[in-house]
């Protein structure tokens, strides 16, 4: 890693999102999508499991698989 001198530039184009930010390195080798939509995509499976567990709590107790 280099020194502590860093430069941040805002993109000219706007981002259509409910919130958050997309940050990337100047050479595009690193991209972090921390928008609401990006986080929703990354956590989709975990969110669905939590949702299904709360909607159908007895299915887990019976050992019944829950399919969407």
Protein backbone atom coordinates (compact mmCIF):
# COMPACT_ATOMS: atom_id res chain seq x y z
CA UNK A 1 0.00 0.00 0.00
CA UNK A 2 1.15 3.48 -0.77
CA UNK A 3 1.23 6.56 1.38
CA UNK A 4 -1.72 8.42 2.76
CA UNK A 5 -2.17 10.84 -0.16
CA UNK A 6 -5.48 9.90 -1.79
CA UNK A 7 -7.68 11.66 -4.30
CA UNK A 8 -11.46 11.40 -4.55
CA UNK A 9 -13.38 12.52 -7.61
CA UNK A 10 -17.12 12.55 -8.18
CA UNK A 11 -18.44 11.05 -11.40
CA UNK A 12 -20.04 13.35 -13.93
CA UNK A 13 -23.08 11.10 -14.30
CA UNK A 14 -25.68 10.58 -11.60
CA UNK A 15 -26.58 7.21 -10.15
CA UNK A 16 -30.18 5.98 -10.07
CA UNK A 17 -30.45 4.43 -6.60
CA UNK A 18 -32.50 4.61 -3.43
CA UNK A 19 -29.33 5.45 -1.52
CA UNK A 20 -25.70 4.63 -0.93
CA UNK A 21 -22.66 4.94 -3.16
CA UNK A 22 -20.55 3.09 -5.70
CA UNK A 23 -16.82 3.55 -5.18
CA UNK A 24 -14.19 2.33 -7.63
CA UNK A 25 -10.47 2.62 -8.12
CA UNK A 26 -9.16 4.79 -10.96
CA UNK A 27 -8.12 1.68 -12.94
CA UNK A 28 -11.51 -0.06 -12.34
CA UNK A 29 -9.81 -3.04 -10.71
CA UNK A 30 -11.71 -2.51 -7.45
CA UNK A 31 -15.41 -1.66 -7.28
CA UNK A 32 -17.57 -1.51 -4.16
CA UNK A 33 -21.31 -1.21 -4.72
CA UNK A 34 -22.71 -0.07 -1.39
CA UNK A 35 -26.02 1.17 -2.78
CA UNK A 36 -29.27 -0.08 -1.29
CA UNK A 37 -29.83 -2.20 -4.40
CA UNK A 38 -26.30 -3.63 -4.33
CA UNK A 39 -26.58 -4.60 -0.69
CA UNK A 40 -30.02 -6.09 -1.34
CA UNK A 41 -28.57 -8.28 -4.13
CA UNK A 42 -25.67 -9.46 -1.93
CA UNK A 43 -27.91 -10.34 1.01
CA UNK A 44 -30.88 -11.64 -0.99
CA UNK A 45 -30.55 -15.29 0.09
CA UNK A 46 -30.12 -14.44 3.78
CA UNK A 47 -33.01 -11.95 3.66
CA UNK A 48 -35.30 -14.53 2.04
CA UNK A 49 -34.40 -17.11 4.69
CA UNK A 50 -35.19 -14.65 7.48
CA UNK A 51 -38.44 -13.62 5.80
CA UNK A 52 -39.57 -17.21 5.24
CA UNK A 53 -38.67 -18.12 8.84
CA UNK A 54 -40.81 -15.29 10.14
CA UNK A 55 -43.72 -15.93 7.79
CA UNK A 56 -43.74 -19.70 8.31
CA UNK A 57 -42.11 -20.36 11.71
CA UNK A 58 -43.68 -23.80 12.14
CA UNK A 59 -42.22 -25.19 8.90
CA UNK A 60 -38.72 -25.14 10.40
CA UNK A 61 -39.94 -26.94 13.54
CA UNK A 62 -41.50 -29.70 11.43
CA UNK A 63 -38.39 -30.06 9.32
CA UNK A 64 -40.40 -29.29 6.22
CA UNK A 65 -38.46 -27.67 3.41
CA UNK A 66 -39.68 -24.25 2.35
CA UNK A 67 -39.66 -23.64 -1.39
CA UNK A 68 -40.45 -20.38 -3.17
